[in-house]
PDB file of N, CA and C in Angstrom:
ATOM      1  N   UNK A   1       0.850  -1.196   0.000  1.00  0.00           N
ATOM      2  CA  UNK A   1       0.000   0.000   0.000  1.00  0.00           C
ATOM      3  C   UNK A   1       0.883   1.243   0.000  1.00  0.00           C
ATOM      4  N   UNK A   2       0.738   2.075  -1.023  1.00  0.00           N
ATOM      5  CA  UNK A   2       1.522   3.305  -1.026  1.00  0.00           C
ATOM      6  C   UNK A   2       0.759   4.411  -0.302  1.00  0.00           C
ATOM      7  N   UNK A   3       1.425   5.537  -0.094  1.00  0.00           N
ATOM      8  CA  UNK A   3       0.840   6.609   0.716  1.00  0.00           C
ATOM      9  C   UNK A   3      -0.414   7.174   0.065  1.00  0.00           C
ATOM     10  N   UNK A   4      -0.463   7.186  -1.261  1.00  0.00           N
ATOM     11  CA  UNK A   4      -1.631   7.727  -1.956  1.00  0.00           C
ATOM     12  C   UNK A   4      -2.887   6.940  -1.596  1.00  0.00           C
ATOM     13  N   UNK A   5      -2.762   5.609  -1.571  1.00  0.00           N
ATOM     14  CA  UNK A   5      -3.909   4.777  -1.211  1.00  0.00           C
ATOM     15  C   UNK A   5      -4.330   5.007   0.234  1.00  0.00           C
ATOM     16  N   UNK A   6      -3.348   5.156   1.128  1.00  0.00           N
ATOM     17  CA  UNK A   6      -3.646   5.377   2.544  1.00  0.00           C
ATOM     18  C   UNK A   6      -4.421   6.680   2.711  1.00  0.00           C
ATOM     19  N   UNK A   7      -4.007   7.718   1.998  1.00  0.00           N
ATOM     20  CA  UNK A   7      -4.698   9.006   2.077  1.00  0.00           C
ATOM     21  C   UNK A   7      -6.132   8.851   1.586  1.00  0.00           C
ATOM     22  N   UNK A   8      -6.311   8.127   0.492  1.00  0.00           N
ATOM     23  CA  UNK A   8      -7.662   7.916  -0.049  1.00  0.00           C
ATOM     24  C   UNK A   8      -8.534   7.186   0.961  1.00  0.00           C
ATOM     25  N   UNK A   9      -7.978   6.158   1.594  1.00  0.00           N
ATOM     26  CA  UNK A   9      -8.740   5.393   2.586  1.00  0.00           C
ATOM     27  C   UNK A   9      -9.121   6.283   3.754  1.00  0.00           C
ATOM     28  N   UNK A  10      -8.171   7.122   4.211  1.00  0.00           N
ATOM     29  CA  UNK A  10      -8.455   8.017   5.335  1.00  0.00           C
ATOM     30  C   UNK A  10      -9.571   8.990   4.972  1.00  0.00           C
ATOM     31  N   UNK A  11      -9.542   9.509   3.749  1.00  0.00           N
ATOM     32  CA  UNK A  11     -10.583  10.441   3.303  1.00  0.00           C
ATOM     33  C   UNK A  11     -11.929   9.726   3.263  1.00  0.00           C
ATOM     34  N   UNK A  12     -11.955   8.506   2.742  1.00  0.00           N
ATOM     35  CA  UNK A  12     -13.207   7.746   2.674  1.00  0.00           C
ATOM     36  C   UNK A  12     -13.752   7.468   4.067  1.00  0.00           C
ATOM     37  N   UNK A  13     -12.862   7.127   5.009  1.00  0.00           N
ATOM     38  CA  UNK A  13     -13.294   6.875   6.381  1.00  0.00           C
ATOM     39  C   UNK A  13     -13.897   8.132   6.993  1.00  0.00           C
ATOM     40  N   UNK A  14     -13.232   9.272   6.775  1.00  0.00           N
ATOM     41  CA  UNK A  14     -13.731  10.530   7.319  1.00  0.00           C
ATOM     42  C   UNK A  14     -15.095  10.866   6.733  1.00  0.00           C
ATOM     43  N   UNK A  15     -15.233  10.662   5.424  1.00  0.00           N
ATOM     44  CA  UNK A  15     -16.506  10.957   4.765  1.00  0.00           C
ATOM     45  C   UNK A  15     -17.612  10.046   5.282  1.00  0.00           C
ATOM     46  N   UNK A  16     -17.313   8.766   5.445  1.00  0.00           N
ATOM     47  CA  UNK A  16     -18.346   7.840   5.921  1.00  0.00           C
ATOM     48  C   UNK A  16     -18.730   8.154   7.363  1.00  0.00           C
ATOM     49  N   UNK A  17     -17.753   8.564   8.189  1.00  0.00           N
ATOM     50  CA  UNK A  17     -18.059   8.960   9.563  1.00  0.00           C
ATOM     51  C   UNK A  17     -18.968  10.179   9.568  1.00  0.00           C
ATOM     52  N   UNK A  18     -18.662  11.156   8.699  1.00  0.00           N
ATOM     53  CA  UNK A  18     -19.508  12.345   8.592  1.00  0.00           C
ATOM     54  C   UNK A  18     -20.909  11.956   8.154  1.00  0.00           C
ATOM     55  N   UNK A  19     -20.993  11.046   7.196  1.00  0.00           N
ATOM     56  CA  UNK A  19     -22.299  10.619   6.692  1.00  0.00           C
ATOM     57  C   UNK A  19     -23.100   9.933   7.797  1.00  0.00           C
ATOM     58  N   UNK A  20     -22.437   9.093   8.594  1.00  0.00           N
ATOM     59  CA  UNK A  20     -23.118   8.395   9.689  1.00  0.00           C
ATOM     60  C   UNK A  20     -23.616   9.400  10.721  1.00  0.00           C
ATOM     61  N   UNK A  21     -22.762  10.372  11.084  1.00  0.00           N
ATOM     62  CA  UNK A  21     -23.178  11.400  12.041  1.00  0.00           C
ATOM     63  C   UNK A  21     -24.366  12.177  11.497  1.00  0.00           C
ATOM     64  N   UNK A  22     -24.306  12.509  10.202  1.00  0.00           N
ATOM     65  CA  UNK A  22     -25.387  13.274   9.585  1.00  0.00           C
ATOM     66  C   UNK A  22     -26.676  12.470   9.608  1.00  0.00           C
ATOM     67  N   UNK A  23     -26.579  11.163   9.331  1.00  0.00           N
ATOM     68  CA  UNK A  23     -27.767  10.310   9.343  1.00  0.00           C
ATOM     69  C   UNK A  23     -28.375  10.259  10.739  1.00  0.00           C
ATOM     70  N   UNK A  24     -27.523  10.138  11.758  1.00  0.00           N
ATOM     71  CA  UNK A  24     -28.046  10.081  13.115  1.00  0.00           C
ATOM     72  C   UNK A  24     -28.658  11.410  13.526  1.00  0.00           C
ATOM     73  N   UNK A  25     -28.110  12.515  13.022  1.00  0.00           N
ATOM     74  CA  UNK A  25     -28.640  13.827  13.384  1.00  0.00           C
ATOM     75  C   UNK A  25     -29.914  14.131  12.616  1.00  0.00           C
ATOM     76  N   UNK A  26     -30.107  13.466  11.487  1.00  0.00           N
ATOM     77  CA  UNK A  26     -31.306  13.721  10.683  1.00  0.00           C
ATOM     78  C   UNK A  26     -32.204  12.491  10.686  1.00  0.00           C
ATOM     79  N   UNK A  27     -32.661  12.100  11.877  1.00  0.00           N
ATOM     80  CA  UNK A  27     -33.520  10.920  11.981  1.00  0.00           C
ATOM     81  C   UNK A  27     -34.873  11.174  11.346  1.00  0.00           C
ATOM     82  N   UNK A  28     -35.260  12.450  11.233  1.00  0.00           N
ATOM     83  CA  UNK A  28     -36.530  12.769  10.578  1.00  0.00           C
ATOM     84  C   UNK A  28     -36.512  12.276   9.141  1.00  0.00           C
ATOM     85  N   UNK A  29     -35.389  12.529   8.442  1.00  0.00           N
ATOM     86  CA  UNK A  29     -35.259  12.090   7.050  1.00  0.00           C
ATOM     87  C   UNK A  29     -35.312  10.565   6.987  1.00  0.00           C
ATOM     88  N   UNK A  30     -34.658   9.901   7.942  1.00  0.00           N
ATOM     89  CA  UNK A  30     -34.684   8.440   7.973  1.00  0.00           C
ATOM     90  C   UNK A  30     -36.107   7.930   8.138  1.00  0.00           C
ATOM     91  N   UNK A  31     -36.873   8.583   9.027  1.00  0.00           N
ATOM     92  CA  UNK A  31     -38.259   8.165   9.247  1.00  0.00           C
ATOM     93  C   UNK A  31     -39.070   8.344   7.982  1.00  0.00           C
ATOM     94  N   UNK A  32     -38.868   9.464   7.289  1.00  0.00           N
ATOM     95  CA  UNK A  32     -39.605   9.716   6.048  1.00  0.00           C
ATOM     96  C   UNK A  32     -39.274   8.640   5.020  1.00  0.00           C
ATOM     97  N   UNK A  33     -37.987   8.332   4.876  1.00  0.00           N
ATOM     98  CA  UNK A  33     -37.566   7.308   3.914  1.00  0.00           C
ATOM     99  C   UNK A  33     -38.164   5.951   4.293  1.00  0.00           C
ATOM    100  N   UNK A  34     -38.138   5.646   5.585  1.00  0.00           N
ATOM    101  CA  UNK A  34     -38.693   4.369   6.043  1.00  0.00           C
ATOM    102  C   UNK A  34     -40.188   4.294   5.751  1.00  0.00           C
ATOM    103  N   UNK A  35     -40.903   5.368   6.055  1.00  0.00           N
ATOM    104  CA  UNK A  35     -42.351   5.389   5.815  1.00  0.00           C
ATOM    105  C   UNK A  35     -42.632   5.254   4.326  1.00  0.00           C
ATOM    106  N   UNK A  36     -41.869   5.983   3.508  1.00  0.00           N
ATOM    107  CA  UNK A  36     -42.084   5.924   2.059  1.00  0.00           C
ATOM    108  C   UNK A  36     -41.835   4.514   1.524  1.00  0.00           C
ATOM    109  N   UNK A  37     -40.757   3.880   1.966  1.00  0.00           N
ATOM    110  CA  UNK A  37     -40.456   2.529   1.482  1.00  0.00           C
ATOM    111  C   UNK A  37     -41.507   1.541   1.989  1.00  0.00           C
ATOM    112  N   UNK A  38     -41.984   1.766   3.228  1.00  0.00           N
ATOM    113  CA  UNK A  38     -43.034   0.898   3.771  1.00  0.00           C
ATOM    114  C   UNK A  38     -44.321   1.052   2.970  1.00  0.00           C
ATOM    115  N   UNK A  39     -44.682   2.292   2.667  1.00  0.00           N
ATOM    116  CA  UNK A  39     -45.910   2.552   1.907  1.00  0.00           C
ATOM    117  C   UNK A  39     -45.817   1.924   0.520  1.00  0.00           C
ATOM    118  N   UNK A  40     -44.662   2.060  -0.133  1.00  0.00           N
ATOM    119  CA  UNK A  40     -44.525   1.491  -1.480  1.00  0.00           C
ATOM    120  C   UNK A  40     -44.545  -0.036  -1.417  1.00  0.00           C
ATOM    121  N   UNK A  41     -43.911  -0.620  -0.401  1.00  0.00           N
ATOM    122  CA  UNK A  41     -43.867  -2.083  -0.309  1.00  0.00           C
ATOM    123  C   UNK A  41     -45.249  -2.649  -0.011  1.00  0.00           C
ATOM    124  N   UNK A  42     -46.076  -1.901   0.729  1.00  0.00           N
ATOM    125  CA  UNK A  42     -47.436  -2.363   1.020  1.00  0.00           C
ATOM    126  C   UNK A  42     -48.390  -1.932  -0.084  1.00  0.00           C
ATOM    127  N   UNK A  43     -48.204  -0.713  -0.575  1.00  0.00           N
ATOM    128  CA  UNK A  43     -49.143  -0.137  -1.539  1.00  0.00           C
ATOM    129  C   UNK A  43     -49.078  -0.775  -2.914  1.00  0.00           C
ATOM    130  N   UNK A  44     -47.888  -1.143  -3.360  1.00  0.00           N
ATOM    131  CA  UNK A  44     -47.768  -1.712  -4.703  1.00  0.00           C
ATOM    132  C   UNK A  44     -48.523  -3.031  -4.854  1.00  0.00           C
ATOM    133  N   UNK A  45     -48.372  -4.000  -3.951  1.00  0.00           N
ATOM    134  CA  UNK A  45     -49.149  -5.243  -4.079  1.00  0.00           C
ATOM    135  C   UNK A  45     -50.653  -4.982  -4.018  1.00  0.00           C
ATOM    136  N   UNK A  46     -51.083  -4.080  -3.118  1.00  0.00           N
ATOM    137  CA  UNK A  46     -52.504  -3.743  -3.016  1.00  0.00           C
ATOM    138  C   UNK A  46     -52.986  -3.126  -4.316  1.00  0.00           C
ATOM    139  N   UNK A  47     -52.182  -2.229  -4.871  1.00  0.00           N
ATOM    140  CA  UNK A  47     -52.551  -1.562  -6.120  1.00  0.00           C
ATOM    141  C   UNK A  47     -52.656  -2.583  -7.250  1.00  0.00           C
ATOM    142  N   UNK A  48     -51.696  -3.513  -7.300  1.00  0.00           N
ATOM    143  CA  UNK A  48     -51.718  -4.543  -8.340  1.00  0.00           C
ATOM    144  C   UNK A  48     -52.974  -5.410  -8.201  1.00  0.00           C
ATOM    145  N   UNK A  49     -53.286  -5.785  -6.959  1.00  0.00           N
ATOM    146  CA  UNK A  49     -54.458  -6.622  -6.714  1.00  0.00           C
ATOM    147  C   UNK A  49     -55.725  -5.879  -7.140  1.00  0.00           C
ATOM    148  N   UNK A  50     -55.782  -4.598  -6.818  1.00  0.00           N
ATOM    149  CA  UNK A  50     -56.960  -3.791  -7.140  1.00  0.00           C
ATOM    150  C   UNK A  50     -57.128  -3.647  -8.649  1.00  0.00           C
ATOM    151  N   UNK A  51     -56.008  -3.405  -9.345  1.00  0.00           N
ATOM    152  CA  UNK A  51     -56.093  -3.219 -10.796  1.00  0.00           C
ATOM    153  C   UNK A  51     -56.414  -4.540 -11.491  1.00  0.00           C
ATOM    154  N   UNK A  52     -55.984  -5.658 -10.917  1.00  0.00           N
ATOM    155  CA  UNK A  52     -56.293  -6.960 -11.516  1.00  0.00           C
ATOM    156  C   UNK A  52     -57.787  -7.258 -11.404  1.00  0.00           C
ATOM    157  N   UNK A  53     -58.407  -6.896 -10.280  1.00  0.00           N
ATOM    158  CA  UNK A  53     -59.826  -7.173 -10.068  1.00  0.00           C
ATOM    159  C   UNK A  53     -60.694  -6.322 -10.975  1.00  0.00           C
ATOM    160  N   UNK A  54     -60.326  -5.062 -11.169  1.00  0.00           N
ATOM    161  CA  UNK A  54     -61.185  -4.162 -11.943  1.00  0.00           C
ATOM    162  C   UNK A  54     -61.012  -4.373 -13.441  1.00  0.00           C
TER     163      UNK A  54
END
């Protein structure tokens, strides 16, 4: 491993740590994403079933 790779790894680690901190600080966004994915996972099968019947 040369120094250039080590620097890149350190930068990636710092960025991922920042991203994790940001995610924890923005739990509202996480909740919105979770709700949206839940709605789509439940809503799509229901929608398909409804369109098949009609």
